[in-house]
PDB file of N, CA and C in Angstrom:
ATOM      1  N   MET A   1     -12.488  -0.495   7.425  1.00  0.00           N
ATOM      2  CA  MET A   1     -13.460   0.517   7.052  1.00  0.00           C
ATOM      3  C   MET A   1     -14.576   0.614   8.100  1.00  0.00           C
ATOM      4  N   ASN A   2     -14.938  -0.523   8.666  1.00  0.00           N
ATOM      5  CA  ASN A   2     -15.979  -0.510   9.671  1.00  0.00           C
ATOM      6  C   ASN A   2     -15.557   0.320  10.874  1.00  0.00           C
ATOM      7  N   ARG A   3     -14.283   0.202  11.255  1.00  0.00           N
ATOM      8  CA  ARG A   3     -13.786   0.971  12.404  1.00  0.00           C
ATOM      9  C   ARG A   3     -13.815   2.459  12.105  1.00  0.00           C
ATOM     10  N   GLN A   4     -13.540   2.819  10.854  1.00  0.00           N
ATOM     11  CA  GLN A   4     -13.559   4.225  10.488  1.00  0.00           C
ATOM     12  C   GLN A   4     -14.975   4.790  10.632  1.00  0.00           C
ATOM     13  N   LEU A   5     -15.967   4.029  10.196  1.00  0.00           N
ATOM     14  CA  LEU A   5     -17.354   4.476  10.335  1.00  0.00           C
ATOM     15  C   LEU A   5     -17.726   4.610  11.806  1.00  0.00           C
ATOM     16  N   GLU A   6     -17.325   3.627  12.619  1.00  0.00           N
ATOM     17  CA  GLU A   6     -17.618   3.695  14.049  1.00  0.00           C
ATOM     18  C   GLU A   6     -16.969   4.928  14.681  1.00  0.00           C
ATOM     19  N   LEU A   7     -15.741   5.220  14.280  1.00  0.00           N
ATOM     20  CA  LEU A   7     -15.042   6.392  14.811  1.00  0.00           C
ATOM     21  C   LEU A   7     -15.785   7.674  14.459  1.00  0.00           C
ATOM     22  N   ILE A   8     -16.201   7.787  13.212  1.00  0.00           N
ATOM     23  CA  ILE A   8     -16.908   9.001  12.790  1.00  0.00           C
ATOM     24  C   ILE A   8     -18.264   9.098  13.467  1.00  0.00           C
ATOM     25  N   GLU A   9     -18.951   7.960  13.642  1.00  0.00           N
ATOM     26  CA  GLU A   9     -20.234   7.987  14.357  1.00  0.00           C
ATOM     27  C   GLU A   9     -20.035   8.417  15.809  1.00  0.00           C
ATOM     28  N   ASN A  10     -18.959   7.952  16.445  1.00  0.00           N
ATOM     29  CA  ASN A  10     -18.663   8.366  17.820  1.00  0.00           C
ATOM     30  C   ASN A  10     -18.337   9.857  17.884  1.00  0.00           C
ATOM     31  N   ARG A  11     -17.597  10.337  16.886  1.00  0.00           N
ATOM     32  CA  ARG A  11     -17.301  11.767  16.831  1.00  0.00           C
ATOM     33  C   ARG A  11     -18.577  12.575  16.634  1.00  0.00           C
ATOM     34  N   PHE A  12     -19.496  12.047  15.808  1.00  0.00           N
ATOM     35  CA  PHE A  12     -20.773  12.723  15.581  1.00  0.00           C
ATOM     36  C   PHE A  12     -21.587  12.771  16.873  1.00  0.00           C
ATOM     37  N   ALA A  13     -21.585  11.653  17.603  1.00  0.00           N
ATOM     38  CA  ALA A  13     -22.315  11.605  18.868  1.00  0.00           C
ATOM     39  C   ALA A  13     -21.739  12.609  19.871  1.00  0.00           C
ATOM     40  N   GLY A  14     -20.432  12.844  19.795  1.00  0.00           N
ATOM     41  CA  GLY A  14     -19.786  13.809  20.678  1.00  0.00           C
ATOM     42  C   GLY A  14     -19.819  15.232  20.148  1.00  0.00           C
ATOM     43  N   GLY A  15     -20.403  15.428  18.995  1.00  0.00           N
ATOM     44  CA  GLY A  15     -20.510  16.765  18.427  1.00  0.00           C
ATOM     45  C   GLY A  15     -19.267  17.236  17.685  1.00  0.00           C
ATOM     46  N   LEU A  16     -18.342  16.314  17.383  1.00  0.00           N
ATOM     47  CA  LEU A  16     -17.105  16.693  16.709  1.00  0.00           C
ATOM     48  C   LEU A  16     -17.152  16.461  15.201  1.00  0.00           C
ATOM     49  N   ALA A  17     -18.176  15.798  14.716  1.00  0.00           N
ATOM     50  CA  ALA A  17     -18.298  15.520  13.283  1.00  0.00           C
ATOM     51  C   ALA A  17     -19.705  15.877  12.830  1.00  0.00           C
ATOM     52  N   SER A  18     -19.818  16.173  11.545  1.00  0.00           N
ATOM     53  CA  SER A  18     -21.124  16.542  11.000  1.00  0.00           C
ATOM     54  C   SER A  18     -21.844  15.314  10.451  1.00  0.00           C
ATOM     55  N   ASP A  19     -23.116  15.499  10.200  1.00  0.00           N
ATOM     56  CA  ASP A  19     -23.918  14.436   9.601  1.00  0.00           C
ATOM     57  C   ASP A  19     -23.386  14.086   8.215  1.00  0.00           C
ATOM     58  N   LEU A  20     -22.866  15.084   7.526  1.00  0.00           N
ATOM     59  CA  LEU A  20     -22.286  14.863   6.196  1.00  0.00           C
ATOM     60  C   LEU A  20     -21.117  13.886   6.275  1.00  0.00           C
ATOM     61  N   GLU A  21     -20.261  14.027   7.279  1.00  0.00           N
ATOM     62  CA  GLU A  21     -19.121  13.121   7.424  1.00  0.00           C
ATOM     63  C   GLU A  21     -19.586  11.687   7.686  1.00  0.00           C
ATOM     64  N   VAL A  22     -20.646  11.538   8.485  1.00  0.00           N
ATOM     65  CA  VAL A  22     -21.184  10.206   8.755  1.00  0.00           C
ATOM     66  C   VAL A  22     -21.724   9.602   7.465  1.00  0.00           C
ATOM     67  N   GLN A  23     -22.452  10.386   6.697  1.00  0.00           N
ATOM     68  CA  GLN A  23     -22.998   9.890   5.436  1.00  0.00           C
ATOM     69  C   GLN A  23     -21.886   9.531   4.450  1.00  0.00           C
ATOM     70  N   GLN A  24     -20.839  10.338   4.399  1.00  0.00           N
ATOM     71  CA  GLN A  24     -19.713  10.032   3.515  1.00  0.00           C
ATOM     72  C   GLN A  24     -19.034   8.730   3.929  1.00  0.00           C
ATOM     73  N   ALA A  25     -18.866   8.521   5.221  1.00  0.00           N
ATOM     74  CA  ALA A  25     -18.227   7.296   5.708  1.00  0.00           C
ATOM     75  C   ALA A  25     -19.096   6.080   5.391  1.00  0.00           C
ATOM     76  N   GLU A  26     -20.414   6.220   5.556  1.00  0.00           N
ATOM     77  CA  GLU A  26     -21.320   5.109   5.226  1.00  0.00           C
ATOM     78  C   GLU A  26     -21.250   4.787   3.735  1.00  0.00           C
ATOM     79  N   THR A  27     -21.243   5.819   2.909  1.00  0.00           N
ATOM     80  CA  THR A  27     -21.155   5.622   1.465  1.00  0.00           C
ATOM     81  C   THR A  27     -19.846   4.950   1.077  1.00  0.00           C
ATOM     82  N   GLN A  28     -18.759   5.411   1.686  1.00  0.00           N
ATOM     83  CA  GLN A  28     -17.453   4.828   1.384  1.00  0.00           C
ATOM     84  C   GLN A  28     -17.401   3.359   1.801  1.00  0.00           C
ATOM     85  N   LEU A  29     -17.991   3.025   2.943  1.00  0.00           N
ATOM     86  CA  LEU A  29     -18.009   1.640   3.407  1.00  0.00           C
ATOM     87  C   LEU A  29     -18.809   0.761   2.451  1.00  0.00           C
ATOM     88  N   GLU A  30     -19.974   1.214   2.046  1.00  0.00           N
ATOM     89  CA  GLU A  30     -20.804   0.425   1.132  1.00  0.00           C
ATOM     90  C   GLU A  30     -20.143   0.286  -0.238  1.00  0.00           C
ATOM     91  N   THR A  31     -19.483   1.336  -0.698  1.00  0.00           N
ATOM     92  CA  THR A  31     -18.766   1.267  -1.974  1.00  0.00           C
ATOM     93  C   THR A  31     -17.637   0.248  -1.901  1.00  0.00           C
ATOM     94  N   THR A  32     -16.914   0.253  -0.796  1.00  0.00           N
ATOM     95  CA  THR A  32     -15.817  -0.692  -0.617  1.00  0.00           C
ATOM     96  C   THR A  32     -16.341  -2.124  -0.573  1.00  0.00           C
ATOM     97  N   ARG A  33     -17.440  -2.336   0.120  1.00  0.00           N
ATOM     98  CA  ARG A  33     -18.041  -3.680   0.164  1.00  0.00           C
ATOM     99  C   ARG A  33     -18.452  -4.148  -1.237  1.00  0.00           C
ATOM    100  N   ALA A  34     -19.046  -3.246  -1.997  1.00  0.00           N
ATOM    101  CA  ALA A  34     -19.461  -3.603  -3.356  1.00  0.00           C
ATOM    102  C   ALA A  34     -18.251  -3.920  -4.230  1.00  0.00           C
ATOM    103  N   GLN A  35     -17.189  -3.136  -4.081  1.00  0.00           N
ATOM    104  CA  GLN A  35     -15.979  -3.387  -4.862  1.00  0.00           C
ATOM    105  C   GLN A  35     -15.345  -4.721  -4.481  1.00  0.00           C
ATOM    106  N   ALA A  36     -15.390  -5.073  -3.196  1.00  0.00           N
ATOM    107  CA  ALA A  36     -14.830  -6.355  -2.757  1.00  0.00           C
ATOM    108  C   ALA A  36     -15.598  -7.515  -3.391  1.00  0.00           C
ATOM    109  N   ILE A  37     -16.900  -7.372  -3.502  1.00  0.00           N
ATOM    110  CA  ILE A  37     -17.709  -8.413  -4.153  1.00  0.00           C
ATOM    111  C   ILE A  37     -17.333  -8.512  -5.624  1.00  0.00           C
ATOM    112  N   ASP A  38     -17.195  -7.352  -6.288  1.00  0.00           N
ATOM    113  CA  ASP A  38     -16.817  -7.342  -7.700  1.00  0.00           C
ATOM    114  C   ASP A  38     -15.456  -7.996  -7.921  1.00  0.00           C
ATOM    115  N   VAL A  39     -14.508  -7.711  -7.028  1.00  0.00           N
ATOM    116  CA  VAL A  39     -13.173  -8.307  -7.156  1.00  0.00           C
ATOM    117  C   VAL A  39     -13.259  -9.820  -6.987  1.00  0.00           C
ATOM    118  N   GLY A  40     -14.044 -10.269  -6.010  1.00  0.00           N
ATOM    119  CA  GLY A  40     -14.202 -11.709  -5.805  1.00  0.00           C
ATOM    120  C   GLY A  40     -14.813 -12.394  -7.013  1.00  0.00           C
ATOM    121  N   VAL A  41     -15.815 -11.768  -7.602  1.00  0.00           N
ATOM    122  CA  VAL A  41     -16.453 -12.329  -8.795  1.00  0.00           C
ATOM    123  C   VAL A  41     -15.462 -12.359  -9.960  1.00  0.00           C
ATOM    124  N   ALA A  42     -14.702 -11.280 -10.128  1.00  0.00           N
ATOM    125  CA  ALA A  42     -13.730 -11.229 -11.226  1.00  0.00           C
ATOM    126  C   ALA A  42     -12.644 -12.283 -11.040  1.00  0.00           C
ATOM    127  N   ARG A  43     -12.193 -12.480  -9.812  1.00  0.00           N
ATOM    128  CA  ARG A  43     -11.167 -13.493  -9.551  1.00  0.00           C
ATOM    129  C   ARG A  43     -11.696 -14.890  -9.853  1.00  0.00           C
ATOM    130  N   ALA A  44     -12.927 -15.157  -9.413  1.00  0.00           N
ATOM    131  CA  ALA A  44     -13.508 -16.477  -9.658  1.00  0.00           C
ATOM    132  C   ALA A  44     -13.715 -16.708 -11.149  1.00  0.00           C
ATOM    133  N   SER A  45     -14.174 -15.671 -11.851  1.00  0.00           N
ATOM    134  CA  SER A  45     -14.387 -15.776 -13.288  1.00  0.00           C
ATOM    135  C   SER A  45     -13.074 -16.017 -14.014  1.00  0.00           C
ATOM    136  N   SER A  46     -12.043 -15.313 -13.611  1.00  0.00           N
ATOM    137  CA  SER A  46     -10.733 -15.485 -14.221  1.00  0.00           C
ATOM    138  C   SER A  46     -10.207 -16.902 -13.987  1.00  0.00           C
ATOM    139  N   LYS A  47     -10.406 -17.390 -12.800  1.00  0.00           N
ATOM    140  CA  LYS A  47      -9.953 -18.744 -12.471  1.00  0.00           C
ATOM    141  C   LYS A  47     -10.698 -19.778 -13.324  1.00  0.00           C
ATOM    142  N   ARG A  48     -12.025 -19.609 -13.431  1.00  0.00           N
ATOM    143  CA  ARG A  48     -12.821 -20.548 -14.242  1.00  0.00           C
ATOM    144  C   ARG A  48     -12.425 -20.477 -15.711  1.00  0.00           C
ATOM    145  N   SER A  49     -12.158 -19.257 -16.198  1.00  0.00           N
ATOM    146  CA  SER A  49     -11.761 -19.107 -17.599  1.00  0.00           C
ATOM    147  C   SER A  49     -10.452 -19.827 -17.867  1.00  0.00           C
ATOM    148  N   GLY A  50      -9.513 -19.705 -16.959  1.00  0.00           N
ATOM    149  CA  GLY A  50      -8.240 -20.396 -17.113  1.00  0.00           C
ATOM    150  C   GLY A  50      -8.405 -21.900 -17.128  1.00  0.00           C
ATOM    151  N   VAL A  51      -9.281 -22.406 -16.297  1.00  0.00           N
ATOM    152  CA  VAL A  51      -9.546 -23.847 -16.263  1.00  0.00           C
ATOM    153  C   VAL A  51     -10.192 -24.287 -17.578  1.00  0.00           C
ATOM    154  N   LEU A  52     -11.146 -23.486 -18.072  1.00  0.00           N
ATOM    155  CA  LEU A  52     -11.866 -23.858 -19.288  1.00  0.00           C
ATOM    156  C   LEU A  52     -10.965 -23.892 -20.515  1.00  0.00           C
ATOM    157  N   ILE A  53     -10.011 -22.980 -20.601  1.00  0.00           N
ATOM    158  CA  ILE A  53      -9.152 -22.971 -21.786  1.00  0.00           C
ATOM    159  C   ILE A  53      -7.918 -23.851 -21.609  1.00  0.00           C
ATOM    160  N   GLY A  54      -7.833 -24.505 -20.463  1.00  0.00           N
ATOM    161  CA  GLY A  54      -6.762 -25.461 -20.246  1.00  0.00           C
ATOM    162  C   GLY A  54      -5.449 -24.879 -19.788  1.00  0.00           C
ATOM    163  N   LYS A  55      -5.432 -23.620 -19.404  1.00  0.00           N
ATOM    164  CA  LYS A  55      -4.178 -23.013 -18.949  1.00  0.00           C
ATOM    165  C   LYS A  55      -3.936 -23.232 -17.462  1.00  0.00           C
ATOM    166  N   LEU A  56      -4.984 -23.502 -16.729  1.00  0.00           N
ATOM    167  CA  LEU A  56      -4.857 -23.725 -15.290  1.00  0.00           C
ATOM    168  C   LEU A  56      -5.528 -25.030 -14.909  1.00  0.00           C
ATOM    169  N   ARG A  57      -4.954 -25.691 -13.962  1.00  0.00           N
ATOM    170  CA  ARG A  57      -5.612 -26.873 -13.410  1.00  0.00           C
ATOM    171  C   ARG A  57      -6.408 -26.434 -12.200  1.00  0.00           C
ATOM    172  N   HIS A  58      -7.618 -26.880 -12.145  1.00  0.00           N
ATOM    173  CA  HIS A  58      -8.535 -26.421 -11.105  1.00  0.00           C
ATOM    174  C   HIS A  58      -7.983 -26.665  -9.703  1.00  0.00           C
ATOM    175  N   ARG A  59      -7.413 -27.813  -9.447  1.00  0.00           N
ATOM    176  CA  ARG A  59      -6.975 -28.151  -8.089  1.00  0.00           C
ATOM    177  C   ARG A  59      -5.625 -27.545  -7.738  1.00  0.00           C
ATOM    178  N   SER A  60      -4.845 -27.178  -8.721  1.00  0.00           N
ATOM    179  CA  SER A  60      -3.514 -26.655  -8.414  1.00  0.00           C
ATOM    180  C   SER A  60      -3.519 -25.145  -8.177  1.00  0.00           C
ATOM    181  N   VAL A  61      -4.630 -24.484  -8.484  1.00  0.00           N
ATOM    182  CA  VAL A  61      -4.694 -23.040  -8.340  1.00  0.00           C
ATOM    183  C   VAL A  61      -5.261 -22.702  -6.971  1.00  0.00           C
ATOM    184  N   SER A  62      -4.517 -21.924  -6.219  1.00  0.00           N
ATOM    185  CA  SER A  62      -5.050 -21.428  -4.950  1.00  0.00           C
ATOM    186  C   SER A  62      -4.734 -19.948  -4.864  1.00  0.00           C
ATOM    187  N   LEU A  63      -5.751 -19.142  -4.941  1.00  0.00           N
ATOM    188  CA  LEU A  63      -5.583 -17.703  -4.853  1.00  0.00           C
ATOM    189  C   LEU A  63      -5.558 -17.301  -3.392  1.00  0.00           C
ATOM    190  N   LEU A  64      -4.703 -16.347  -3.059  1.00  0.00           N
ATOM    191  CA  LEU A  64      -4.655 -15.852  -1.696  1.00  0.00           C
ATOM    192  C   LEU A  64      -5.923 -15.075  -1.398  1.00  0.00           C
ATOM    193  N   PRO A  65      -6.424 -15.147  -0.182  1.00  0.00           N
ATOM    194  CA  PRO A  65      -7.597 -14.342   0.159  1.00  0.00           C
ATOM    195  C   PRO A  65      -7.262 -12.862   0.118  1.00  0.00           C
ATOM    196  N   LEU A  66      -8.275 -12.026  -0.003  1.00  0.00           N
ATOM    197  CA  LEU A  66      -8.056 -10.590  -0.085  1.00  0.00           C
ATOM    198  C   LEU A  66      -7.482 -10.022   1.200  1.00  0.00           C
ATOM    199  N   THR A  67      -7.595 -10.770   2.289  1.00  0.00           N
ATOM    200  CA  THR A  67      -7.083 -10.285   3.564  1.00  0.00           C
ATOM    201  C   THR A  67      -5.617 -10.638   3.777  1.00  0.00           C
ATOM    202  N   ALA A  68      -4.992 -11.332   2.825  1.00  0.00           N
ATOM    203  CA  ALA A  68      -3.595 -11.715   2.963  1.00  0.00           C
ATOM    204  C   ALA A  68      -2.712 -10.469   2.928  1.00  0.00           C
ATOM    205  N   PRO A  69      -1.631 -10.452   3.722  1.00  0.00           N
ATOM    206  CA  PRO A  69      -0.749  -9.288   3.701  1.00  0.00           C
ATOM    207  C   PRO A  69      -0.003  -9.205   2.370  1.00  0.00           C
ATOM    208  N   PRO A  70       0.398  -7.999   1.986  1.00  0.00           N
ATOM    209  CA  PRO A  70       1.120  -7.859   0.724  1.00  0.00           C
ATOM    210  C   PRO A  70       2.501  -8.504   0.840  1.00  0.00           C
ATOM    211  N   PRO A  71       3.088  -8.871  -0.287  1.00  0.00           N
ATOM    212  CA  PRO A  71       4.422  -9.485  -0.245  1.00  0.00           C
ATOM    213  C   PRO A  71       5.457  -8.471   0.223  1.00  0.00           C
ATOM    214  N   PRO A  72       6.578  -8.948   0.777  1.00  0.00           N
ATOM    215  CA  PRO A  72       7.613  -8.011   1.225  1.00  0.00           C
ATOM    216  C   PRO A  72       8.233  -7.261   0.048  1.00  0.00           C
ATOM    217  N   ILE A  73       8.703  -6.054   0.322  1.00  0.00           N
ATOM    218  CA  ILE A  73       9.294  -5.207  -0.713  1.00  0.00           C
ATOM    219  C   ILE A  73      10.800  -5.442  -0.735  1.00  0.00           C
ATOM    220  N   PRO A  74      11.353  -5.913  -1.873  1.00  0.00           N
ATOM    221  CA  PRO A  74      12.801  -6.120  -1.937  1.00  0.00           C
ATOM    222  C   PRO A  74      13.556  -4.791  -1.978  1.00  0.00           C
ATOM    223  N   LEU A  75      14.762  -4.806  -1.421  1.00  0.00           N
ATOM    224  CA  LEU A  75      15.582  -3.599  -1.425  1.00  0.00           C
ATOM    225  C   LEU A  75      16.059  -3.287  -2.842  1.00  0.00           C
ATOM    226  N   GLY A  76      16.188  -2.013  -3.155  1.00  0.00           N
ATOM    227  CA  GLY A  76      16.697  -1.589  -4.449  1.00  0.00           C
ATOM    228  C   GLY A  76      15.657  -1.573  -5.553  1.00  0.00           C
ATOM    229  N   LEU A  77      14.400  -1.750  -5.222  1.00  0.00           N
ATOM    230  CA  LEU A  77      13.331  -1.755  -6.217  1.00  0.00           C
ATOM    231  C   LEU A  77      12.988  -0.312  -6.593  1.00  0.00           C
ATOM    232  N   PRO A  78      12.884  -0.006  -7.878  1.00  0.00           N
ATOM    233  CA  PRO A  78      12.545   1.367  -8.276  1.00  0.00           C
ATOM    234  C   PRO A  78      11.173   1.782  -7.729  1.00  0.00           C
ATOM    235  N   SER A  79      11.049   3.041  -7.365  1.00  0.00           N
ATOM    236  CA  SER A  79       9.814   3.517  -6.740  1.00  0.00           C
ATOM    237  C   SER A  79       8.619   3.461  -7.691  1.00  0.00           C
ATOM    238  N   ASP A  80       8.844   3.583  -9.005  1.00  0.00           N
ATOM    239  CA  ASP A  80       7.709   3.524  -9.924  1.00  0.00           C
ATOM    240  C   ASP A  80       7.067   2.135  -9.927  1.00  0.00           C
ATOM    241  N   LEU A  81       7.852   1.096  -9.638  1.00  0.00           N
ATOM    242  CA  LEU A  81       7.260  -0.235  -9.516  1.00  0.00           C
ATOM    243  C   LEU A  81       6.402  -0.334  -8.264  1.00  0.00           C
ATOM    244  N   LEU A  82       6.860   0.306  -7.194  1.00  0.00           N
ATOM    245  CA  LEU A  82       6.078   0.295  -5.963  1.00  0.00           C
ATOM    246  C   LEU A  82       4.761   1.035  -6.138  1.00  0.00           C
ATOM    247  N   GLU A  83       4.768   2.104  -6.911  1.00  0.00           N
ATOM    248  CA  GLU A  83       3.560   2.890  -7.114  1.00  0.00           C
ATOM    249  C   GLU A  83       2.495   2.102  -7.882  1.00  0.00           C
ATOM    250  N   ARG A  84       2.900   1.075  -8.602  1.00  0.00           N
ATOM    251  CA  ARG A  84       1.939   0.268  -9.362  1.00  0.00           C
ATOM    252  C   ARG A  84       1.333  -0.851  -8.531  1.00  0.00           C
ATOM    253  N   ARG A  85       1.887  -1.101  -7.331  1.00  0.00           N
ATOM    254  CA  ARG A  85       1.318  -2.154  -6.488  1.00  0.00           C
ATOM    255  C   ARG A  85      -0.086  -1.765  -6.070  1.00  0.00           C
ATOM    256  N   PRO A  86      -1.048  -2.686  -6.168  1.00  0.00           N
ATOM    257  CA  PRO A  86      -2.435  -2.349  -5.841  1.00  0.00           C
ATOM    258  C   PRO A  86      -2.622  -1.883  -4.405  1.00  0.00           C
ATOM    259  N   ASP A  87      -1.924  -2.475  -3.444  1.00  0.00           N
ATOM    260  CA  ASP A  87      -2.113  -2.066  -2.057  1.00  0.00           C
ATOM    261  C   ASP A  87      -1.575  -0.660  -1.811  1.00  0.00           C
ATOM    262  N   ILE A  88      -0.489  -0.306  -2.470  1.00  0.00           N
ATOM    263  CA  ILE A  88       0.062   1.034  -2.302  1.00  0.00           C
ATOM    264  C   ILE A  88      -0.821   2.049  -3.027  1.00  0.00           C
ATOM    265  N   ALA A  89      -1.314   1.707  -4.203  1.00  0.00           N
ATOM    266  CA  ALA A  89      -2.222   2.608  -4.928  1.00  0.00           C
ATOM    267  C   ALA A  89      -3.503   2.825  -4.125  1.00  0.00           C
ATOM    268  N   ALA A  90      -4.018   1.766  -3.489  1.00  0.00           N
ATOM    269  CA  ALA A  90      -5.224   1.894  -2.672  1.00  0.00           C
ATOM    270  C   ALA A  90      -4.957   2.782  -1.461  1.00  0.00           C
ATOM    271  N   ALA A  91      -3.792   2.631  -0.838  1.00  0.00           N
ATOM    272  CA  ALA A  91      -3.449   3.469   0.309  1.00  0.00           C
ATOM    273  C   ALA A  91      -3.323   4.930  -0.116  1.00  0.00           C
ATOM    274  N   GLU A  92      -2.768   5.159  -1.307  1.00  0.00           N
ATOM    275  CA  GLU A  92      -2.635   6.527  -1.804  1.00  0.00           C
ATOM    276  C   GLU A  92      -4.011   7.150  -2.055  1.00  0.00           C
ATOM    277  N   ARG A  93      -4.926   6.364  -2.647  1.00  0.00           N
ATOM    278  CA  ARG A  93      -6.288   6.871  -2.878  1.00  0.00           C
ATOM    279  C   ARG A  93      -7.001   7.127  -1.558  1.00  0.00           C
ATOM    280  N   SER A  94      -6.785   6.250  -0.581  1.00  0.00           N
ATOM    281  CA  SER A  94      -7.408   6.419   0.731  1.00  0.00           C
ATOM    282  C   SER A  94      -6.909   7.694   1.398  1.00  0.00           C
ATOM    283  N   MET A  95      -5.618   7.951   1.285  1.00  0.00           N
ATOM    284  CA  MET A  95      -5.054   9.159   1.877  1.00  0.00           C
ATOM    285  C   MET A  95      -5.594  10.398   1.160  1.00  0.00           C
ATOM    286  N   ALA A  96      -5.714  10.345  -0.145  1.00  0.00           N
ATOM    287  CA  ALA A  96      -6.261  11.481  -0.892  1.00  0.00           C
ATOM    288  C   ALA A  96      -7.706  11.738  -0.491  1.00  0.00           C
ATOM    289  N   SER A  97      -8.457  10.662  -0.286  1.00  0.00           N
ATOM    290  CA  SER A  97      -9.849  10.801   0.141  1.00  0.00           C
ATOM    291  C   SER A  97      -9.923  11.425   1.530  1.00  0.00           C
ATOM    292  N   ALA A  98      -9.065  10.966   2.428  1.00  0.00           N
ATOM    293  CA  ALA A  98      -9.046  11.535   3.782  1.00  0.00           C
ATOM    294  C   ALA A  98      -8.682  13.015   3.743  1.00  0.00           C
ATOM    295  N   ASN A  99      -7.714  13.384   2.901  1.00  0.00           N
ATOM    296  CA  ASN A  99      -7.344  14.792   2.767  1.00  0.00           C
ATOM    297  C   ASN A  99      -8.499  15.616   2.217  1.00  0.00           C
ATOM    298  N   ALA A 100      -9.247  15.049   1.289  1.00  0.00           N
ATOM    299  CA  ALA A 100     -10.407  15.752   0.740  1.00  0.00           C
ATOM    300  C   ALA A 100     -11.462  15.949   1.824  1.00  0.00           C
ATOM    301  N   GLN A 101     -11.654  14.940   2.664  1.00  0.00           N
ATOM    302  CA  GLN A 101     -12.639  15.051   3.747  1.00  0.00           C
ATOM    303  C   GLN A 101     -12.212  16.116   4.754  1.00  0.00           C
ATOM    304  N   ILE A 102     -10.898  16.237   4.984  1.00  0.00           N
ATOM    305  CA  ILE A 102     -10.402  17.296   5.872  1.00  0.00           C
ATOM    306  C   ILE A 102     -10.724  18.661   5.277  1.00  0.00           C
ATOM    307  N   GLY A 103     -10.529  18.798   3.967  1.00  0.00           N
ATOM    308  CA  GLY A 103     -10.847  20.056   3.303  1.00  0.00           C
ATOM    309  C   GLY A 103     -12.325  20.391   3.406  1.00  0.00           C
ATOM    310  N   VAL A 104     -13.181  19.385   3.241  1.00  0.00           N
ATOM    311  CA  VAL A 104     -14.628  19.611   3.361  1.00  0.00           C
ATOM    312  C   VAL A 104     -14.968  20.023   4.782  1.00  0.00           C
ATOM    313  N   ALA A 105     -14.378  19.356   5.771  1.00  0.00           N
ATOM    314  CA  ALA A 105     -14.654  19.692   7.170  1.00  0.00           C
ATOM    315  C   ALA A 105     -14.220  21.117   7.485  1.00  0.00           C
ATOM    316  N   ARG A 106     -13.057  21.520   6.983  1.00  0.00           N
ATOM    317  CA  ARG A 106     -12.597  22.895   7.208  1.00  0.00           C
ATOM    318  C   ARG A 106     -13.541  23.899   6.569  1.00  0.00           C
ATOM    319  N   LEU A 107     -13.987  23.597   5.367  1.00  0.00           N
ATOM    320  CA  LEU A 107     -14.922  24.494   4.688  1.00  0.00           C
ATOM    321  C   LEU A 107     -16.225  24.615   5.471  1.00  0.00           C
ATOM    322  N   LEU A 108     -16.724  23.491   5.990  1.00  0.00           N
ATOM    323  CA  LEU A 108     -17.960  23.525   6.769  1.00  0.00           C
ATOM    324  C   LEU A 108     -17.791  24.342   8.050  1.00  0.00           C
ATOM    325  N   ILE A 109     -16.629  24.249   8.672  1.00  0.00           N
ATOM    326  CA  ILE A 109     -16.378  25.039   9.883  1.00  0.00           C
ATOM    327  C   ILE A 109     -16.378  26.523   9.547  1.00  0.00           C
ATOM    328  N   ILE A 110     -15.706  26.862   8.454  1.00  0.00           N
ATOM    329  CA  ILE A 110     -15.638  28.272   8.060  1.00  0.00           C
ATOM    330  C   ILE A 110     -17.018  28.783   7.682  1.00  0.00           C
ATOM    331  N   ARG A 111     -17.762  27.971   6.941  1.00  0.00           N
ATOM    332  CA  ARG A 111     -19.090  28.417   6.499  1.00  0.00           C
ATOM    333  C   ARG A 111     -20.066  28.518   7.662  1.00  0.00           C
ATOM    334  N   SER A 112     -19.895  27.665   8.676  1.00  0.00           N
ATOM    335  CA  SER A 112     -20.828  27.689   9.805  1.00  0.00           C
ATOM    336  C   SER A 112     -20.526  28.825  10.779  1.00  0.00           C
ATOM    337  N   SER A 113     -19.328  29.369  10.685  1.00  0.00           N
ATOM    338  CA  SER A 113     -18.968  30.495  11.553  1.00  0.00           C
ATOM    339  C   SER A 113     -19.658  31.743  11.032  1.00  0.00           C
ATOM    340  N   ILE A 114     -20.147  32.521  11.910  1.00  0.00           N
ATOM    341  CA  ILE A 114     -20.821  33.769  11.515  1.00  0.00           C
ATOM    342  C   ILE A 114     -19.832  34.896  11.676  1.00  0.00           C
ATOM    343  N   TRP A 115     -19.519  35.511  10.552  1.00  0.00           N
ATOM    344  CA  TRP A 115     -18.597  36.635  10.548  1.00  0.00           C
ATOM    345  C   TRP A 115     -19.403  37.912  10.414  1.00  0.00           C
ATOM    346  N   ALA A 116     -19.742  38.465  11.541  1.00  0.00           N
ATOM    347  CA  ALA A 116     -20.526  39.695  11.513  1.00  0.00           C
ATOM    348  C   ALA A 116     -19.794  40.747  12.348  1.00  0.00           C
ATOM    349  N   PRO A 117     -19.919  42.016  11.985  1.00  0.00           N
ATOM    350  CA  PRO A 117     -19.277  43.049  12.794  1.00  0.00           C
ATOM    351  C   PRO A 117     -19.954  43.141  14.161  1.00  0.00           C
ATOM    352  N   PRO A 118     -19.198  43.473  15.182  1.00  0.00           N
ATOM    353  CA  PRO A 118     -19.818  43.584  16.516  1.00  0.00           C
ATOM    354  C   PRO A 118     -20.838  44.722  16.548  1.00  0.00           C
ATOM    355  N   GLU A 119     -21.850  44.495  17.375  1.00  0.00           N
ATOM    356  CA  GLU A 119     -22.886  45.525  17.484  1.00  0.00           C
ATOM    357  C   GLU A 119     -22.385  46.661  18.358  1.00  0.00           C
ATOM    358  N   VAL A 120     -22.723  47.884  17.959  1.00  0.00           N
ATOM    359  CA  VAL A 120     -22.256  49.055  18.706  1.00  0.00           C
ATOM    360  C   VAL A 120     -23.364  49.619  19.546  1.00  0.00           C
TER     361      VAL A 120
END
């Protein structure tokens, strides 16, 4: 996400992106950071709850870090199962967001263009 913000800031510096796009990228980055903190807290809470009720042993539980790559996809798996994977759902939301940003950028280009009849 940080690279995406840097890219948009560089595009803004070159005049290829609007201030709105920079603000959207900053907002998206901060939202993602906040969500990562929430996920970490929820994971830790879940782990502690399991230990407290005796379902998990504290030392035997090791959760993968959030930066770990997703597990490999076995052949012959139905596509609806793949759509439920969190990493694929996140990629789908990211792509939808990028498509929405493209639509906003196109609208801004059209709105910023002046469509006036030529002077006679």
